[in-house]
Amino acid sequence: MESDLPLYILAQNNNLPKYQFMDSLTLEWIKKNKPEFKNAQIIKIKPSIIVEKYLKRYVPKDEWFANGSLISTIHGLRHVLRCVALAGILCEAKILSTDVNELCMVASLHDLWQKR
């Protein structure tokens, strides 16, 4: 059942749909409610390093998704790209001392299959 309510309202009511697509009202809510990151560490990493070392290697093919309609959801391909990039950044900046290959694989695959 589709809802006309924005995602942030559905989330507040613990009523998110199985597949979620971003809406403009939720984006506006996110902008207005952006958290403050006091004492946050500034990480300087060249974007080309992340693309070359991690995204080209760990981003899954579209056919790996359990359902093709998942690719464009908020937990779809763009989400996977952000997760893999962040995993690479955290390892490059030595914030996480874990196996970078394992971390990037988990980041890449964590939302590909349909939860039952």
C-alpha atoms as a PDB file:
ATOM      1  CA  MET A   1       0.000   0.000   0.000  1.00  0.00           C
ATOM      2  CA  GLU A   2       1.461   3.320  -1.124  1.00  0.00           C
ATOM      3  CA  SER A   3       1.368   6.289   1.226  1.00  0.00           C
ATOM      4  CA  ASP A   4       1.246   9.964   0.340  1.00  0.00           C
ATOM      5  CA  LEU A   5       3.057  10.795   3.571  1.00  0.00           C
ATOM      6  CA  PRO A   6       6.746  11.762   3.373  1.00  0.00           C
ATOM      7  CA  LEU A   7       9.305   9.234   4.602  1.00  0.00           C
ATOM      8  CA  TYR A   8      10.253  11.248   7.675  1.00  0.00           C
ATOM      9  CA  ILE A   9       6.636  11.109   8.928  1.00  0.00           C
ATOM     10  CA  LEU A  10       6.407   7.393   8.180  1.00  0.00           C
ATOM     11  CA  ALA A  11       9.716   6.856  10.026  1.00  0.00           C
ATOM     12  CA  GLN A  12       8.508   8.826  13.051  1.00  0.00           C
ATOM     13  CA  ASN A  13       5.409   6.615  13.125  1.00  0.00           C
ATOM     14  CA  ASN A  14       7.514   3.452  12.688  1.00  0.00           C
ATOM     15  CA  ASN A  15       5.609   2.740   9.492  1.00  0.00           C
ATOM     16  CA  LEU A  16       8.210   2.781   6.694  1.00  0.00           C
ATOM     17  CA  PRO A  17       7.349   0.834   3.544  1.00  0.00           C
ATOM     18  CA  LYS A  18       9.483  -2.109   2.515  1.00  0.00           C
ATOM     19  CA  TYR A  19      10.913  -0.182  -0.449  1.00  0.00           C
ATOM     20  CA  GLN A  20      11.598   3.501   0.069  1.00  0.00           C
ATOM     21  CA  PHE A  21      11.995   6.272  -2.472  1.00  0.00           C
ATOM     22  CA  MET A  22      13.228   9.693  -1.386  1.00  0.00           C
ATOM     23  CA  ASP A  23      10.766  12.576  -1.498  1.00  0.00           C
ATOM     24  CA  SER A  24      11.309  16.345  -1.460  1.00  0.00           C
ATOM     25  CA  LEU A  25       9.593  16.905   1.909  1.00  0.00           C
ATOM     26  CA  THR A  26      11.893  14.392   3.586  1.00  0.00           C
ATOM     27  CA  LEU A  27      14.950  16.027   1.986  1.00  0.00           C
ATOM     28  CA  GLU A  28      13.817  19.393   3.351  1.00  0.00           C
ATOM     29  CA  TRP A  29      13.306  17.833   6.799  1.00  0.00           C
ATOM     30  CA  ILE A  30      16.821  16.375   6.682  1.00  0.00           C
ATOM     31  CA  LYS A  31      18.296  19.779   5.797  1.00  0.00           C
ATOM     32  CA  LYS A  32      16.427  21.477   8.660  1.00  0.00           C
ATOM     33  CA  ASN A  33      17.377  18.766  11.160  1.00  0.00           C
ATOM     34  CA  LYS A  34      21.018  18.288  10.227  1.00  0.00           C
ATOM     35  CA  PRO A  35      22.940  17.165  13.311  1.00  0.00           C
ATOM     36  CA  GLU A  36      25.884  19.118  14.645  1.00  0.00           C
ATOM     37  CA  PHE A  37      29.110  17.166  14.680  1.00  0.00           C
ATOM     38  CA  LYS A  38      31.072  18.801  17.480  1.00  0.00           C
ATOM     39  CA  ASN A  39      34.751  17.874  17.643  1.00  0.00           C
ATOM     40  CA  ALA A  40      34.450  15.932  14.399  1.00  0.00           C
ATOM     41  CA  GLN A  41      37.677  14.856  12.743  1.00  0.00           C
ATOM     42  CA  ILE A  42      38.308  16.340   9.302  1.00  0.00           C
ATOM     43  CA  ILE A  43      39.411  13.676   6.856  1.00  0.00           C
ATOM     44  CA  LYS A  44      41.343  14.685   3.756  1.00  0.00           C
ATOM     45  CA  ILE A  45      41.189  12.001   1.110  1.00  0.00           C
ATOM     46  CA  LYS A  46      41.418  12.526  -2.639  1.00  0.00           C
ATOM     47  CA  PRO A  47      38.135  11.390  -4.239  1.00  0.00           C
ATOM     48  CA  SER A  48      40.044   9.773  -7.091  1.00  0.00           C
ATOM     49  CA  ILE A  49      41.647   7.367  -4.601  1.00  0.00           C
ATOM     50  CA  ILE A  50      38.247   6.200  -3.422  1.00  0.00           C
ATOM     51  CA  VAL A  51      36.935   5.777  -6.967  1.00  0.00           C
ATOM     52  CA  GLU A  52      39.986   3.913  -8.218  1.00  0.00           C
ATOM     53  CA  LYS A  53      40.657   1.723  -5.181  1.00  0.00           C
ATOM     54  CA  TYR A  54      37.176   0.955  -3.905  1.00  0.00           C
ATOM     55  CA  LEU A  55      34.225   1.881  -6.076  1.00  0.00           C
ATOM     56  CA  LYS A  56      35.535   0.269  -9.258  1.00  0.00           C
ATOM     57  CA  ARG A  57      36.374  -2.897  -7.354  1.00  0.00           C
ATOM     58  CA  TYR A  58      33.465  -3.388  -4.954  1.00  0.00           C
ATOM     59  CA  VAL A  59      30.314  -1.969  -6.537  1.00  0.00           C
ATOM     60  CA  PRO A  60      27.987  -4.839  -7.461  1.00  0.00           C
ATOM     61  CA  LYS A  61      26.384  -5.326 -10.841  1.00  0.00           C
ATOM     62  CA  ASP A  62      22.705  -4.467 -11.178  1.00  0.00           C
ATOM     63  CA  GLU A  63      21.759  -8.120 -11.589  1.00  0.00           C
ATOM     64  CA  TRP A  64      23.071  -8.858  -8.096  1.00  0.00           C
ATOM     65  CA  PHE A  65      20.057  -7.079  -6.610  1.00  0.00           C
ATOM     66  CA  ALA A  66      17.275  -9.500  -5.688  1.00  0.00           C
ATOM     67  CA  ASN A  67      14.765  -7.255  -7.408  1.00  0.00           C
ATOM     68  CA  GLY A  68      15.539  -4.758 -10.172  1.00  0.00           C
ATOM     69  CA  SER A  69      13.174  -2.210  -8.649  1.00  0.00           C
ATOM     70  CA  LEU A  70      15.457  -2.058  -5.583  1.00  0.00           C
ATOM     71  CA  ILE A  71      18.259  -0.415  -7.551  1.00  0.00           C
ATOM     72  CA  SER A  72      16.655   3.038  -7.481  1.00  0.00           C
ATOM     73  CA  THR A  73      15.390   2.954  -3.885  1.00  0.00           C
ATOM     74  CA  ILE A  74      17.146   4.780  -1.056  1.00  0.00           C
ATOM     75  CA  HIS A  75      18.836   1.476  -0.221  1.00  0.00           C
ATOM     76  CA  GLY A  76      19.752   0.852  -3.847  1.00  0.00           C
ATOM     77  CA  LEU A  77      22.854   1.402  -5.935  1.00  0.00           C
ATOM     78  CA  ARG A  78      23.586   4.989  -4.832  1.00  0.00           C
ATOM     79  CA  HIS A  79      23.383   3.857  -1.207  1.00  0.00           C
ATOM     80  CA  VAL A  80      25.845   1.054  -1.953  1.00  0.00           C
ATOM     81  CA  LEU A  81      28.202   3.570  -3.595  1.00  0.00           C
ATOM     82  CA  ARG A  82      28.114   5.799  -0.521  1.00  0.00           C
ATOM     83  CA  CYS A  83      28.684   2.865   1.849  1.00  0.00           C
ATOM     84  CA  VAL A  84      31.661   1.511  -0.099  1.00  0.00           C
ATOM     85  CA  ALA A  85      33.161   4.996  -0.418  1.00  0.00           C
ATOM     86  CA  LEU A  86      32.764   5.618   3.309  1.00  0.00           C
ATOM     87  CA  ALA A  87      34.301   2.238   4.143  1.00  0.00           C
ATOM     88  CA  GLY A  88      37.305   3.089   1.971  1.00  0.00           C
ATOM     89  CA  ILE A  89      37.608   6.567   3.481  1.00  0.00           C
ATOM     90  CA  LEU A  90      37.500   5.219   7.047  1.00  0.00           C
ATOM     91  CA  CYS A  91      40.220   2.698   6.285  1.00  0.00           C
ATOM     92  CA  GLU A  92      42.386   5.172   4.338  1.00  0.00           C
ATOM     93  CA  ALA A  93      42.167   7.654   7.225  1.00  0.00           C
ATOM     94  CA  LYS A  94      43.109   4.879   9.682  1.00  0.00           C
ATOM     95  CA  ILE A  95      39.886   5.475  11.646  1.00  0.00           C
ATOM     96  CA  LEU A  96      39.024   1.796  11.320  1.00  0.00           C
ATOM     97  CA  SER A  97      41.772  -0.759  11.639  1.00  0.00           C
ATOM     98  CA  THR A  98      40.071  -3.669   9.992  1.00  0.00           C
ATOM     99  CA  ASP A  99      40.531  -5.633   6.812  1.00  0.00           C
ATOM    100  CA  VAL A 100      39.598  -3.080   4.130  1.00  0.00           C
ATOM    101  CA  ASN A 101      38.574  -5.817   1.679  1.00  0.00           C
ATOM    102  CA  GLU A 102      36.190  -7.372   4.183  1.00  0.00           C
ATOM    103  CA  LEU A 103      34.704  -3.996   5.144  1.00  0.00           C
ATOM    104  CA  CYS A 104      34.157  -2.953   1.529  1.00  0.00           C
ATOM    105  CA  MET A 105      32.573  -6.315   0.658  1.00  0.00           C
ATOM    106  CA  VAL A 106      30.128  -6.026   3.543  1.00  0.00           C
ATOM    107  CA  ALA A 107      29.372  -2.405   2.618  1.00  0.00           C
ATOM    108  CA  SER A 108      28.775  -3.458  -0.968  1.00  0.00           C
ATOM    109  CA  LEU A 109      26.487  -6.420  -0.301  1.00  0.00           C
ATOM    110  CA  HIS A 110      24.530  -5.516   2.817  1.00  0.00           C
ATOM    111  CA  ASP A 111      21.316  -4.373   1.060  1.00  0.00           C
ATOM    112  CA  LEU A 112      21.290  -6.475  -2.101  1.00  0.00           C
ATOM    113  CA  TRP A 113      18.889  -9.198  -1.141  1.00  0.00           C
ATOM    114  CA  GLN A 114      15.299  -8.913  -0.181  1.00  0.00           C
ATOM    115  CA  LYS A 115      14.573  -9.394   3.508  1.00  0.00           C
ATOM    116  CA  ARG A 116      11.777 -11.883   4.125  1.00  0.00           C
END
